[in-house]
Full PDB file with SEQRES, HELIX, SHEET, SSBOND, CRYST1, ORIGX, SCALE, CONECT and MASTER records, all heavy atoms in Angstrom:
SEQRES   1 A   43  ILE TYR GLN GLU THR LEU LYS TYR HIS PRO THR ILE SER          
SEQRES   2 A   43  LYS ALA THR VAL TYR ARG ASN LEU ASN LEU LEU VAL GLN          
SEQRES   3 A   43  GLN GLY GLU ILE LEU LYS VAL GLU VAL PRO ASP GLY ALA          
SEQRES   4 A   43  ASP HIS PHE ASP                                              
HELIX    1 AA1 TYR A    2  LEU A    6  1                                   5    
HELIX    2 AA2 LYS A   14  GLN A   26  1                                  13    
SHEET    1 AA1 2 LYS A  32  VAL A  33  0                                        
SHEET    2 AA1 2 HIS A  41  PHE A  42 -1                                        
CRYST1    1.000    1.000    1.000  90.00  90.00  90.00 P 1           1          
ORIGX1      1.000000  0.000000  0.000000        0.00000                         
ORIGX2      0.000000  1.000000  0.000000        0.00000                         
ORIGX3      0.000000  0.000000  1.000000        0.00000                         
SCALE1      1.000000  0.000000  0.000000        0.00000                         
SCALE2      0.000000  1.000000  0.000000        0.00000                         
SCALE3      0.000000  0.000000  1.000000        0.00000                         
ATOM      1  N   ILE A   1      79.609 136.404 102.542  1.00  0.00           N  
ATOM      2  CA  ILE A   1      80.792 136.646 103.426  1.00  0.00           C  
ATOM      3  C   ILE A   1      81.247 138.110 103.268  1.00  0.00           C  
ATOM      4  O   ILE A   1      81.559 138.837 104.270  1.00  0.00           O  
ATOM      5  CB  ILE A   1      81.936 135.664 103.172  1.00  0.00           C  
ATOM      6  CG1 ILE A   1      81.461 134.233 103.504  1.00  0.00           C  
ATOM      7  CG2 ILE A   1      83.255 136.049 103.872  1.00  0.00           C  
ATOM      8  CD1 ILE A   1      82.274 133.115 102.857  1.00  0.00           C  
ATOM      9  N   TYR A   2      81.293 138.532 102.009  1.00  0.00           N  
ATOM     10  CA  TYR A   2      81.611 139.960 101.703  1.00  0.00           C  
ATOM     11  C   TYR A   2      80.639 140.874 102.418  1.00  0.00           C  
ATOM     12  O   TYR A   2      81.061 141.824 103.050  1.00  0.00           O  
ATOM     13  CB  TYR A   2      81.551 140.201 100.208  1.00  0.00           C  
ATOM     14  CG  TYR A   2      81.667 141.572  99.813  1.00  0.00           C  
ATOM     15  CD1 TYR A   2      82.835 142.370 100.018  1.00  0.00           C  
ATOM     16  CD2 TYR A   2      80.601 142.228  99.221  1.00  0.00           C  
ATOM     17  CE1 TYR A   2      82.985 143.701  99.618  1.00  0.00           C  
ATOM     18  CE2 TYR A   2      80.716 143.597  98.817  1.00  0.00           C  
ATOM     19  CZ  TYR A   2      81.848 144.287  98.997  1.00  0.00           C  
ATOM     20  OH  TYR A   2      81.931 145.622  98.617  1.00  0.00           O  
ATOM     21  N   GLN A   3      79.351 140.675 102.351  1.00  0.00           N  
ATOM     22  CA  GLN A   3      78.323 141.535 102.982  1.00  0.00           C  
ATOM     23  C   GLN A   3      78.579 141.547 104.526  1.00  0.00           C  
ATOM     24  O   GLN A   3      78.407 142.607 105.125  1.00  0.00           O  
ATOM     25  CB  GLN A   3      76.960 141.123 102.528  1.00  0.00           C  
ATOM     26  CG  GLN A   3      76.573 141.335 101.097  1.00  0.00           C  
ATOM     27  CD  GLN A   3      76.688 142.804 100.662  1.00  0.00           C  
ATOM     28  OE1 GLN A   3      76.388 143.639 101.425  1.00  0.00           O  
ATOM     29  NE2 GLN A   3      77.138 142.957  99.437  1.00  0.00           N  
ATOM     30  N   GLU A   4      78.821 140.422 105.052  1.00  0.00           N  
ATOM     31  CA  GLU A   4      79.003 140.353 106.455  1.00  0.00           C  
ATOM     32  C   GLU A   4      80.260 141.068 106.929  1.00  0.00           C  
ATOM     33  O   GLU A   4      80.289 141.798 107.896  1.00  0.00           O  
ATOM     34  CB  GLU A   4      79.085 138.874 106.932  1.00  0.00           C  
ATOM     35  CG  GLU A   4      79.266 138.662 108.467  1.00  0.00           C  
ATOM     36  CD  GLU A   4      78.103 139.071 109.259  1.00  0.00           C  
ATOM     37  OE1 GLU A   4      77.013 139.195 108.743  1.00  0.00           O  
ATOM     38  OE2 GLU A   4      78.319 139.145 110.554  1.00  0.00           O  
ATOM     39  N   THR A   5      81.336 140.887 106.145  1.00  0.00           N  
ATOM     40  CA  THR A   5      82.618 141.587 106.434  1.00  0.00           C  
ATOM     41  C   THR A   5      82.520 143.054 106.309  1.00  0.00           C  
ATOM     42  O   THR A   5      83.128 143.838 107.115  1.00  0.00           O  
ATOM     43  CB  THR A   5      83.774 141.054 105.548  1.00  0.00           C  
ATOM     44  OG1 THR A   5      83.758 139.604 105.643  1.00  0.00           O  
ATOM     45  CG2 THR A   5      85.126 141.545 105.966  1.00  0.00           C  
ATOM     46  N   LEU A   6      81.716 143.572 105.424  1.00  0.00           N  
ATOM     47  CA  LEU A   6      81.532 144.990 105.247  1.00  0.00           C  
ATOM     48  C   LEU A   6      81.033 145.689 106.482  1.00  0.00           C  
ATOM     49  O   LEU A   6      81.335 146.825 106.704  1.00  0.00           O  
ATOM     50  CB  LEU A   6      80.482 145.279 104.107  1.00  0.00           C  
ATOM     51  CG  LEU A   6      80.927 145.353 102.664  1.00  0.00           C  
ATOM     52  CD1 LEU A   6      79.817 145.536 101.701  1.00  0.00           C  
ATOM     53  CD2 LEU A   6      82.002 146.452 102.504  1.00  0.00           C  
ATOM     54  N   LYS A   7      80.292 144.987 107.308  1.00  0.00           N  
ATOM     55  CA  LYS A   7      79.771 145.508 108.596  1.00  0.00           C  
ATOM     56  C   LYS A   7      80.879 145.938 109.533  1.00  0.00           C  
ATOM     57  O   LYS A   7      80.733 146.880 110.332  1.00  0.00           O  
ATOM     58  CB  LYS A   7      78.880 144.511 109.276  1.00  0.00           C  
ATOM     59  CG  LYS A   7      77.618 144.106 108.504  1.00  0.00           C  
ATOM     60  CD  LYS A   7      76.865 143.059 109.263  1.00  0.00           C  
ATOM     61  CE  LYS A   7      75.678 142.574 108.488  1.00  0.00           C  
ATOM     62  NZ  LYS A   7      74.969 141.448 109.236  1.00  0.00           N  
ATOM     63  N   TYR A   8      82.046 145.243 109.365  1.00  0.00           N  
ATOM     64  CA  TYR A   8      83.193 145.488 110.339  1.00  0.00           C  
ATOM     65  C   TYR A   8      84.321 146.210 109.676  1.00  0.00           C  
ATOM     66  O   TYR A   8      85.193 146.737 110.375  1.00  0.00           O  
ATOM     67  CB  TYR A   8      83.622 144.190 110.943  1.00  0.00           C  
ATOM     68  CG  TYR A   8      82.464 143.448 111.567  1.00  0.00           C  
ATOM     69  CD1 TYR A   8      81.793 142.456 111.024  1.00  0.00           C  
ATOM     70  CD2 TYR A   8      82.051 143.849 112.892  1.00  0.00           C  
ATOM     71  CE1 TYR A   8      80.730 141.810 111.588  1.00  0.00           C  
ATOM     72  CE2 TYR A   8      81.001 143.178 113.500  1.00  0.00           C  
ATOM     73  CZ  TYR A   8      80.350 142.158 112.856  1.00  0.00           C  
ATOM     74  OH  TYR A   8      79.291 141.590 113.453  1.00  0.00           O  
ATOM     75  N   HIS A   9      84.281 146.177 108.258  1.00  0.00           N  
ATOM     76  CA  HIS A   9      85.386 146.776 107.533  1.00  0.00           C  
ATOM     77  C   HIS A   9      84.759 147.349 106.270  1.00  0.00           C  
ATOM     78  O   HIS A   9      84.839 146.774 105.165  1.00  0.00           O  
ATOM     79  CB  HIS A   9      86.484 145.699 107.189  1.00  0.00           C  
ATOM     80  CG  HIS A   9      87.770 146.230 106.741  1.00  0.00           C  
ATOM     81  ND1 HIS A   9      87.889 146.989 105.653  1.00  0.00           N  
ATOM     82  CD2 HIS A   9      88.982 146.061 107.221  1.00  0.00           C  
ATOM     83  CE1 HIS A   9      89.212 147.334 105.463  1.00  0.00           C  
ATOM     84  NE2 HIS A   9      89.895 146.726 106.458  1.00  0.00           N  
ATOM     85  N   PRO A  10      84.211 148.577 106.322  1.00  0.00           N  
ATOM     86  CA  PRO A  10      83.418 149.135 105.229  1.00  0.00           C  
ATOM     87  C   PRO A  10      84.174 149.393 103.964  1.00  0.00           C  
ATOM     88  O   PRO A  10      83.648 149.603 102.903  1.00  0.00           O  
ATOM     89  CB  PRO A  10      82.869 150.472 105.802  1.00  0.00           C  
ATOM     90  CG  PRO A  10      83.114 150.473 107.291  1.00  0.00           C  
ATOM     91  CD  PRO A  10      84.150 149.403 107.515  1.00  0.00           C  
ATOM     92  N   THR A  11      85.579 149.421 104.041  1.00  0.00           N  
ATOM     93  CA  THR A  11      86.330 149.673 102.850  1.00  0.00           C  
ATOM     94  C   THR A  11      86.875 148.418 102.132  1.00  0.00           C  
ATOM     95  O   THR A  11      87.586 148.492 101.175  1.00  0.00           O  
ATOM     96  CB  THR A  11      87.502 150.620 103.180  1.00  0.00           C  
ATOM     97  OG1 THR A  11      88.379 150.020 104.159  1.00  0.00           O  
ATOM     98  CG2 THR A  11      86.912 151.933 103.689  1.00  0.00           C  
ATOM     99  N   ILE A  12      86.543 147.231 102.740  1.00  0.00           N  
ATOM    100  CA  ILE A  12      87.086 146.049 102.089  1.00  0.00           C  
ATOM    101  C   ILE A  12      86.513 145.823 100.741  1.00  0.00           C  
ATOM    102  O   ILE A  12      85.341 146.055 100.478  1.00  0.00           O  
ATOM    103  CB  ILE A  12      86.848 144.814 103.059  1.00  0.00           C  
ATOM    104  CG1 ILE A  12      87.775 143.668 102.653  1.00  0.00           C  
ATOM    105  CG2 ILE A  12      85.368 144.418 103.061  1.00  0.00           C  
ATOM    106  CD1 ILE A  12      87.810 142.538 103.728  1.00  0.00           C  
ATOM    107  N   SER A  13      87.364 145.285  99.815  1.00  0.00           N  
ATOM    108  CA  SER A  13      86.816 145.043  98.419  1.00  0.00           C  
ATOM    109  C   SER A  13      86.416 143.636  98.248  1.00  0.00           C  
ATOM    110  O   SER A  13      86.850 142.736  99.018  1.00  0.00           O  
ATOM    111  CB  SER A  13      87.874 145.455  97.418  1.00  0.00           C  
ATOM    112  OG  SER A  13      89.026 144.506  97.533  1.00  0.00           O  
ATOM    113  N   LYS A  14      85.539 143.292  97.232  1.00  0.00           N  
ATOM    114  CA  LYS A  14      85.247 141.949  96.921  1.00  0.00           C  
ATOM    115  C   LYS A  14      86.455 141.151  96.579  1.00  0.00           C  
ATOM    116  O   LYS A  14      86.606 140.014  96.922  1.00  0.00           O  
ATOM    117  CB  LYS A  14      84.250 141.920  95.774  1.00  0.00           C  
ATOM    118  CG  LYS A  14      82.869 142.176  96.197  1.00  0.00           C  
ATOM    119  CD  LYS A  14      81.907 141.927  95.036  1.00  0.00           C  
ATOM    120  CE  LYS A  14      80.459 142.190  95.501  1.00  0.00           C  
ATOM    121  NZ  LYS A  14      79.513 141.884  94.411  1.00  0.00           N  
ATOM    122  N   ALA A  15      87.387 141.805  95.798  1.00  0.00           N  
ATOM    123  CA  ALA A  15      88.584 141.100  95.424  1.00  0.00           C  
ATOM    124  C   ALA A  15      89.393 140.626  96.607  1.00  0.00           C  
ATOM    125  O   ALA A  15      89.909 139.511  96.642  1.00  0.00           O  
ATOM    126  CB  ALA A  15      89.456 142.022  94.499  1.00  0.00           C  
ATOM    127  N   THR A  16      89.447 141.409  97.621  1.00  0.00           N  
ATOM    128  CA  THR A  16      90.163 141.031  98.905  1.00  0.00           C  
ATOM    129  C   THR A  16      89.533 139.954  99.565  1.00  0.00           C  
ATOM    130  O   THR A  16      90.186 138.920  99.942  1.00  0.00           O  
ATOM    131  CB  THR A  16      90.264 142.241  99.824  1.00  0.00           C  
ATOM    132  OG1 THR A  16      91.000 143.284  99.204  1.00  0.00           O  
ATOM    133  CG2 THR A  16      90.908 141.880 101.158  1.00  0.00           C  
ATOM    134  N   VAL A  17      88.194 139.876  99.542  1.00  0.00           N  
ATOM    135  CA  VAL A  17      87.441 138.814 100.146  1.00  0.00           C  
ATOM    136  C   VAL A  17      87.694 137.520  99.370  1.00  0.00           C  
ATOM    137  O   VAL A  17      87.995 136.437  99.980  1.00  0.00           O  
ATOM    138  CB  VAL A  17      85.935 139.095 100.237  1.00  0.00           C  
ATOM    139  CG1 VAL A  17      85.147 137.882 100.711  1.00  0.00           C  
ATOM    140  CG2 VAL A  17      85.655 140.293 101.247  1.00  0.00           C  
ATOM    141  N   TYR A  18      87.547 137.511  98.108  1.00  0.00           N  
ATOM    142  CA  TYR A  18      87.741 136.391  97.245  1.00  0.00           C  
ATOM    143  C   TYR A  18      89.152 135.860  97.402  1.00  0.00           C  
ATOM    144  O   TYR A  18      89.373 134.626  97.528  1.00  0.00           O  
ATOM    145  CB  TYR A  18      87.476 136.677  95.795  1.00  0.00           C  
ATOM    146  CG  TYR A  18      85.955 136.632  95.465  1.00  0.00           C  
ATOM    147  CD1 TYR A  18      85.144 137.733  95.780  1.00  0.00           C  
ATOM    148  CD2 TYR A  18      85.408 135.530  94.783  1.00  0.00           C  
ATOM    149  CE1 TYR A  18      83.784 137.654  95.490  1.00  0.00           C  
ATOM    150  CE2 TYR A  18      84.065 135.542  94.502  1.00  0.00           C  
ATOM    151  CZ  TYR A  18      83.246 136.570  94.832  1.00  0.00           C  
ATOM    152  OH  TYR A  18      81.894 136.569  94.542  1.00  0.00           O  
ATOM    153  N   ARG A  19      90.126 136.719  97.334  1.00  0.00           N  
ATOM    154  CA  ARG A  19      91.576 136.322  97.495  1.00  0.00           C  
ATOM    155  C   ARG A  19      91.827 135.634  98.789  1.00  0.00           C  
ATOM    156  O   ARG A  19      92.503 134.616  98.862  1.00  0.00           O  
ATOM    157  CB  ARG A  19      92.441 137.557  97.242  1.00  0.00           C  
ATOM    158  CG  ARG A  19      93.909 137.236  97.276  1.00  0.00           C  
ATOM    159  CD  ARG A  19      94.800 138.439  96.922  1.00  0.00           C  
ATOM    160  NE  ARG A  19      94.491 139.659  97.758  1.00  0.00           N  
ATOM    161  CZ  ARG A  19      93.853 140.760  97.365  1.00  0.00           C  
ATOM    162  NH1 ARG A  19      93.434 140.817  96.167  1.00  0.00           N  
ATOM    163  NH2 ARG A  19      93.621 141.702  98.197  1.00  0.00           N  
ATOM    164  N   ASN A  20      91.290 136.218  99.845  1.00  0.00           N  
ATOM    165  CA  ASN A  20      91.528 135.696 101.123  1.00  0.00           C  
ATOM    166  C   ASN A  20      90.685 134.373 101.422  1.00  0.00           C  
ATOM    167  O   ASN A  20      91.236 133.488 102.097  1.00  0.00           O  
ATOM    168  CB  ASN A  20      91.210 136.705 102.314  1.00  0.00           C  
ATOM    169  CG  ASN A  20      92.329 137.656 102.461  1.00  0.00           C  
ATOM    170  OD1 ASN A  20      93.355 137.304 103.017  1.00  0.00           O  
ATOM    171  ND2 ASN A  20      92.258 138.840 101.865  1.00  0.00           N  
ATOM    172  N   LEU A  21      89.609 134.264 100.858  1.00  0.00           N  
ATOM    173  CA  LEU A  21      88.860 133.000 100.922  1.00  0.00           C  
ATOM    174  C   LEU A  21      89.725 131.900 100.301  1.00  0.00           C  
ATOM    175  O   LEU A  21      89.793 130.778 100.849  1.00  0.00           O  
ATOM    176  CB  LEU A  21      87.500 133.100 100.317  1.00  0.00           C  
ATOM    177  CG  LEU A  21      86.347 133.832 100.975  1.00  0.00           C  
ATOM    178  CD1 LEU A  21      85.172 134.102 100.179  1.00  0.00           C  
ATOM    179  CD2 LEU A  21      86.040 133.061 102.289  1.00  0.00           C  
ATOM    180  N   ASN A  22      90.176 132.136  99.122  1.00  0.00           N  
ATOM    181  CA  ASN A  22      91.014 131.176  98.422  1.00  0.00           C  
ATOM    182  C   ASN A  22      92.278 130.809  99.248  1.00  0.00           C  
ATOM    183  O   ASN A  22      92.726 129.605  99.316  1.00  0.00           O  
ATOM    184  CB  ASN A  22      91.352 131.588  96.999  1.00  0.00           C  
ATOM    185  CG  ASN A  22      90.201 131.540  96.040  1.00  0.00           C  
ATOM    186  OD1 ASN A  22      89.367 130.604  96.164  1.00  0.00           O  
ATOM    187  ND2 ASN A  22      90.112 132.523  95.178  1.00  0.00           N  
ATOM    188  N   LEU A  23      92.888 131.798  99.851  1.00  0.00           N  
ATOM    189  CA  LEU A  23      94.054 131.570 100.729  1.00  0.00           C  
ATOM    190  C   LEU A  23      93.663 130.745 101.978  1.00  0.00           C  
ATOM    191  O   LEU A  23      94.385 129.732 102.380  1.00  0.00           O  
ATOM    192  CB  LEU A  23      94.677 132.857 101.116  1.00  0.00           C  
ATOM    193  CG  LEU A  23      95.958 132.789 101.991  1.00  0.00           C  
ATOM    194  CD1 LEU A  23      97.050 132.013 101.088  1.00  0.00           C  
ATOM    195  CD2 LEU A  23      96.460 134.143 102.309  1.00  0.00           C  
ATOM    196  N   LEU A  24      92.483 131.053 102.616  1.00  0.00           N  
ATOM    197  CA  LEU A  24      92.140 130.281 103.728  1.00  0.00           C  
ATOM    198  C   LEU A  24      91.799 128.817 103.380  1.00  0.00           C  
ATOM    199  O   LEU A  24      92.030 127.887 104.127  1.00  0.00           O  
ATOM    200  CB  LEU A  24      90.870 130.947 104.356  1.00  0.00           C  
ATOM    201  CG  LEU A  24      91.112 132.199 105.087  1.00  0.00           C  
ATOM    202  CD1 LEU A  24      89.841 132.996 105.340  1.00  0.00           C  
ATOM    203  CD2 LEU A  24      91.850 131.952 106.394  1.00  0.00           C  
ATOM    204  N   VAL A  25      91.314 128.595 102.152  1.00  0.00           N  
ATOM    205  CA  VAL A  25      91.134 127.233 101.673  1.00  0.00           C  
ATOM    206  C   VAL A  25      92.420 126.575 101.496  1.00  0.00           C  
ATOM    207  O   VAL A  25      92.586 125.428 101.925  1.00  0.00           O  
ATOM    208  CB  VAL A  25      90.283 127.223 100.372  1.00  0.00           C  
ATOM    209  CG1 VAL A  25      90.269 125.818  99.726  1.00  0.00           C  
ATOM    210  CG2 VAL A  25      88.777 127.690 100.601  1.00  0.00           C  
ATOM    211  N   GLN A  26      93.361 127.178 100.860  1.00  0.00           N  
ATOM    212  CA  GLN A  26      94.685 126.620 100.634  1.00  0.00           C  
ATOM    213  C   GLN A  26      95.392 126.279 101.961  1.00  0.00           C  
ATOM    214  O   GLN A  26      96.083 125.307 102.054  1.00  0.00           O  
ATOM    215  CB  GLN A  26      95.526 127.546  99.805  1.00  0.00           C  
ATOM    216  CG  GLN A  26      95.192 127.758  98.359  1.00  0.00           C  
ATOM    217  CD  GLN A  26      95.972 128.837  97.652  1.00  0.00           C  
ATOM    218  OE1 GLN A  26      96.784 129.442  98.308  1.00  0.00           O  
ATOM    219  NE2 GLN A  26      95.720 128.943  96.359  1.00  0.00           N  
ATOM    220  N   GLN A  27      95.200 127.096 102.958  1.00  0.00           N  
ATOM    221  CA  GLN A  27      95.806 126.888 104.233  1.00  0.00           C  
ATOM    222  C   GLN A  27      95.086 125.869 105.107  1.00  0.00           C  
ATOM    223  O   GLN A  27      95.534 125.542 106.216  1.00  0.00           O  
ATOM    224  CB  GLN A  27      95.902 128.191 105.027  1.00  0.00           C  
ATOM    225  CG  GLN A  27      96.840 129.183 104.416  1.00  0.00           C  
ATOM    226  CD  GLN A  27      96.830 130.559 105.090  1.00  0.00           C  
ATOM    227  OE1 GLN A  27      95.821 130.913 105.757  1.00  0.00           O  
ATOM    228  NE2 GLN A  27      97.828 131.324 104.942  1.00  0.00           N  
ATOM    229  N   GLY A  28      93.960 125.419 104.651  1.00  0.00           N  
ATOM    230  CA  GLY A  28      93.165 124.385 105.382  1.00  0.00           C  
ATOM    231  C   GLY A  28      92.444 124.954 106.520  1.00  0.00           C  
ATOM    232  O   GLY A  28      91.988 124.230 107.478  1.00  0.00           O  
ATOM    233  N   GLU A  29      92.101 126.249 106.509  1.00  0.00           N  
ATOM    234  CA  GLU A  29      91.341 126.878 107.596  1.00  0.00           C  
ATOM    235  C   GLU A  29      89.769 126.715 107.372  1.00  0.00           C  
ATOM    236  O   GLU A  29      89.043 126.745 108.284  1.00  0.00           O  
ATOM    237  CB  GLU A  29      91.589 128.410 107.606  1.00  0.00           C  
ATOM    238  CG  GLU A  29      93.075 128.680 107.994  1.00  0.00           C  
ATOM    239  CD  GLU A  29      93.338 128.572 109.486  1.00  0.00           C  
ATOM    240  OE1 GLU A  29      92.335 128.745 110.240  1.00  0.00           O  
ATOM    241  OE2 GLU A  29      94.439 128.273 109.841  1.00  0.00           O  
ATOM    242  N   ILE A  30      89.463 126.659 106.052  1.00  0.00           N  
ATOM    243  CA  ILE A  30      88.001 126.486 105.748  1.00  0.00           C  
ATOM    244  C   ILE A  30      87.935 125.502 104.507  1.00  0.00           C  
ATOM    245  O   ILE A  30      89.009 125.203 103.821  1.00  0.00           O  
ATOM    246  CB  ILE A  30      87.311 127.814 105.382  1.00  0.00           C  
ATOM    247  CG1 ILE A  30      87.966 128.519 104.148  1.00  0.00           C  
ATOM    248  CG2 ILE A  30      87.212 128.717 106.580  1.00  0.00           C  
ATOM    249  CD1 ILE A  30      87.300 129.728 103.712  1.00  0.00           C  
ATOM    250  N   LEU A  31      86.811 125.015 104.227  1.00  0.00           N  
ATOM    251  CA  LEU A  31      86.507 124.180 103.007  1.00  0.00           C  
ATOM    252  C   LEU A  31      85.693 124.964 102.011  1.00  0.00           C  
ATOM    253  O   LEU A  31      84.899 125.774 102.352  1.00  0.00           O  
ATOM    254  CB  LEU A  31      85.749 122.918 103.378  1.00  0.00           C  
ATOM    255  CG  LEU A  31      86.351 121.970 104.391  1.00  0.00           C  
ATOM    256  CD1 LEU A  31      85.354 120.829 104.708  1.00  0.00           C  
ATOM    257  CD2 LEU A  31      87.689 121.385 103.804  1.00  0.00           C  
ATOM    258  N   LYS A  32      86.011 124.653 100.702  1.00  0.00           N  
ATOM    259  CA  LYS A  32      85.223 125.277  99.607  1.00  0.00           C  
ATOM    260  C   LYS A  32      84.282 124.152  99.120  1.00  0.00           C  
ATOM    261  O   LYS A  32      84.730 123.011  98.914  1.00  0.00           O  
ATOM    262  CB  LYS A  32      86.051 125.651  98.461  1.00  0.00           C  
ATOM    263  CG  LYS A  32      85.250 126.341  97.325  1.00  0.00           C  
ATOM    264  CD  LYS A  32      86.076 126.494  96.050  1.00  0.00           C  
ATOM    265  CE  LYS A  32      87.059 127.531  96.223  1.00  0.00           C  
ATOM    266  NZ  LYS A  32      87.706 127.896  94.854  1.00  0.00           N  
ATOM    267  N   VAL A  33      82.966 124.409  99.110  1.00  0.00           N  
ATOM    268  CA  VAL A  33      81.960 123.516  98.608  1.00  0.00           C  
ATOM    269  C   VAL A  33      81.604 123.951  97.223  1.00  0.00           C  
ATOM    270  O   VAL A  33      80.912 125.008  97.040  1.00  0.00           O  
ATOM    271  CB  VAL A  33      80.764 123.462  99.531  1.00  0.00           C  
ATOM    272  CG1 VAL A  33      79.694 122.490  98.914  1.00  0.00           C  
ATOM    273  CG2 VAL A  33      81.101 123.113 100.932  1.00  0.00           C  
ATOM    274  N   GLU A  34      82.063 123.278  96.204  1.00  0.00           N  
ATOM    275  CA  GLU A  34      81.817 123.683  94.858  1.00  0.00           C  
ATOM    276  C   GLU A  34      80.411 123.212  94.434  1.00  0.00           C  
ATOM    277  O   GLU A  34      80.091 122.020  94.576  1.00  0.00           O  
ATOM    278  CB  GLU A  34      82.892 123.130  93.937  1.00  0.00           C  
ATOM    279  CG  GLU A  34      84.181 123.793  94.243  1.00  0.00           C  
ATOM    280  CD  GLU A  34      85.347 123.247  93.358  1.00  0.00           C  
ATOM    281  OE1 GLU A  34      85.094 122.553  92.322  1.00  0.00           O  
ATOM    282  OE2 GLU A  34      86.561 123.531  93.684  1.00  0.00           O  
ATOM    283  N   VAL A  35      79.566 124.107  93.921  1.00  0.00           N  
ATOM    284  CA  VAL A  35      78.306 123.781  93.531  1.00  0.00           C  
ATOM    285  C   VAL A  35      78.302 123.988  91.926  1.00  0.00           C  
ATOM    286  O   VAL A  35      78.329 125.124  91.526  1.00  0.00           O  
ATOM    287  CB  VAL A  35      77.255 124.757  94.201  1.00  0.00           C  
ATOM    288  CG1 VAL A  35      75.883 124.377  93.672  1.00  0.00           C  
ATOM    289  CG2 VAL A  35      77.253 124.608  95.657  1.00  0.00           C  
ATOM    290  N   PRO A  36      78.055 122.909  91.217  1.00  0.00           N  
ATOM    291  CA  PRO A  36      77.936 123.081  89.819  1.00  0.00           C  
ATOM    292  C   PRO A  36      76.787 123.971  89.386  1.00  0.00           C  
ATOM    293  O   PRO A  36      75.686 123.942  89.935  1.00  0.00           O  
ATOM    294  CB  PRO A  36      77.627 121.599  89.292  1.00  0.00           C  
ATOM    295  CG  PRO A  36      78.126 120.741  90.405  1.00  0.00           C  
ATOM    296  CD  PRO A  36      77.911 121.508  91.634  1.00  0.00           C  
ATOM    297  N   ASP A  37      77.049 124.922  88.447  1.00  0.00           N  
ATOM    298  CA  ASP A  37      76.016 125.842  88.042  1.00  0.00           C  
ATOM    299  C   ASP A  37      75.623 126.796  89.151  1.00  0.00           C  
ATOM    300  O   ASP A  37      74.457 127.360  89.094  1.00  0.00           O  
ATOM    301  CB  ASP A  37      74.857 125.148  87.455  1.00  0.00           C  
ATOM    302  CG  ASP A  37      75.179 124.229  86.232  1.00  0.00           C  
ATOM    303  OD1 ASP A  37      76.172 124.595  85.554  1.00  0.00           O  
ATOM    304  OD2 ASP A  37      74.631 123.144  86.163  1.00  0.00           O  
ATOM    305  N   GLY A  38      76.373 126.951  90.146  1.00  0.00           N  
ATOM    306  CA  GLY A  38      76.021 127.905  91.249  1.00  0.00           C  
ATOM    307  C   GLY A  38      77.275 128.459  91.880  1.00  0.00           C  
ATOM    308  O   GLY A  38      78.408 128.077  91.514  1.00  0.00           O  
ATOM    309  N   ALA A  39      77.032 129.316  92.842  1.00  0.00           N  
ATOM    310  CA  ALA A  39      78.131 129.951  93.553  1.00  0.00           C  
ATOM    311  C   ALA A  39      78.780 128.958  94.474  1.00  0.00           C  
ATOM    312  O   ALA A  39      78.116 128.107  95.150  1.00  0.00           O  
ATOM    313  CB  ALA A  39      77.645 131.165  94.332  1.00  0.00           C  
ATOM    314  N   ASP A  40      80.072 129.058  94.672  1.00  0.00           N  
ATOM    315  CA  ASP A  40      80.796 128.234  95.632  1.00  0.00           C  
ATOM    316  C   ASP A  40      80.310 128.679  97.019  1.00  0.00           C  
ATOM    317  O   ASP A  40      80.049 129.844  97.268  1.00  0.00           O  
ATOM    318  CB  ASP A  40      82.326 128.435  95.588  1.00  0.00           C  
ATOM    319  CG  ASP A  40      82.881 127.816  94.276  1.00  0.00           C  
ATOM    320  OD1 ASP A  40      82.224 126.917  93.719  1.00  0.00           O  
ATOM    321  OD2 ASP A  40      83.952 128.285  93.900  1.00  0.00           O  
ATOM    322  N   HIS A  41      80.324 127.730  97.946  1.00  0.00           N  
ATOM    323  CA  HIS A  41      79.963 128.026  99.329  1.00  0.00           C  
ATOM    324  C   HIS A  41      81.188 127.625 100.191  1.00  0.00           C  
ATOM    325  O   HIS A  41      82.026 126.884  99.736  1.00  0.00           O  
ATOM    326  CB  HIS A  41      78.760 127.132  99.769  1.00  0.00           C  
ATOM    327  CG  HIS A  41      77.467 127.611  99.138  1.00  0.00           C  
ATOM    328  ND1 HIS A  41      76.483 128.156  99.828  1.00  0.00           N  
ATOM    329  CD2 HIS A  41      77.036 127.490  97.867  1.00  0.00           C  
ATOM    330  CE1 HIS A  41      75.459 128.416  98.999  1.00  0.00           C  
ATOM    331  NE2 HIS A  41      75.722 128.035  97.801  1.00  0.00           N  
ATOM    332  N   PHE A  42      81.275 128.174 101.360  1.00  0.00           N  
ATOM    333  CA  PHE A  42      82.348 127.986 102.301  1.00  0.00           C  
ATOM    334  C   PHE A  42      81.929 127.368 103.565  1.00  0.00           C  
ATOM    335  O   PHE A  42      80.846 127.699 104.101  1.00  0.00           O  
ATOM    336  CB  PHE A  42      83.193 129.276 102.397  1.00  0.00           C  
ATOM    337  CG  PHE A  42      83.776 129.692 101.099  1.00  0.00           C  
ATOM    338  CD1 PHE A  42      83.028 130.472 100.251  1.00  0.00           C  
ATOM    339  CD2 PHE A  42      85.022 129.243 100.677  1.00  0.00           C  
ATOM    340  CE1 PHE A  42      83.534 130.854  99.034  1.00  0.00           C  
ATOM    341  CE2 PHE A  42      85.477 129.636  99.500  1.00  0.00           C  
ATOM    342  CZ  PHE A  42      84.766 130.422  98.659  1.00  0.00           C  
ATOM    343  N   ASP A  43      82.762 126.549 104.133  1.00  0.00           N  
ATOM    344  CA  ASP A  43      82.427 125.758 105.342  1.00  0.00           C  
ATOM    345  C   ASP A  43      83.526 125.860 106.363  1.00  0.00           C  
ATOM    346  O   ASP A  43      84.703 125.643 105.995  1.00  0.00           O  
ATOM    347  CB  ASP A  43      82.151 124.289 104.972  1.00  0.00           C  
ATOM    348  CG  ASP A  43      81.464 123.426 106.036  1.00  0.00           C  
ATOM    349  OD1 ASP A  43      81.326 123.930 107.113  1.00  0.00           O  
ATOM    350  OD2 ASP A  43      81.030 122.344 105.707  1.00  0.00           O  
TER     351      ASP A  43                                                      
MASTER        0    0    0    2    2    0    0    6  350    1    0    4          
END                                                                             
């Protein structure tokens, strides 16, 4: 998601992406798919 967002906003930081992903999950806009021993995915 960070790599895709960079195409449209070259100065965005990873921290901003992570923070906003968590906020979008909290707001019910997206789902977080937790993968044990792997990176979380978003839906």
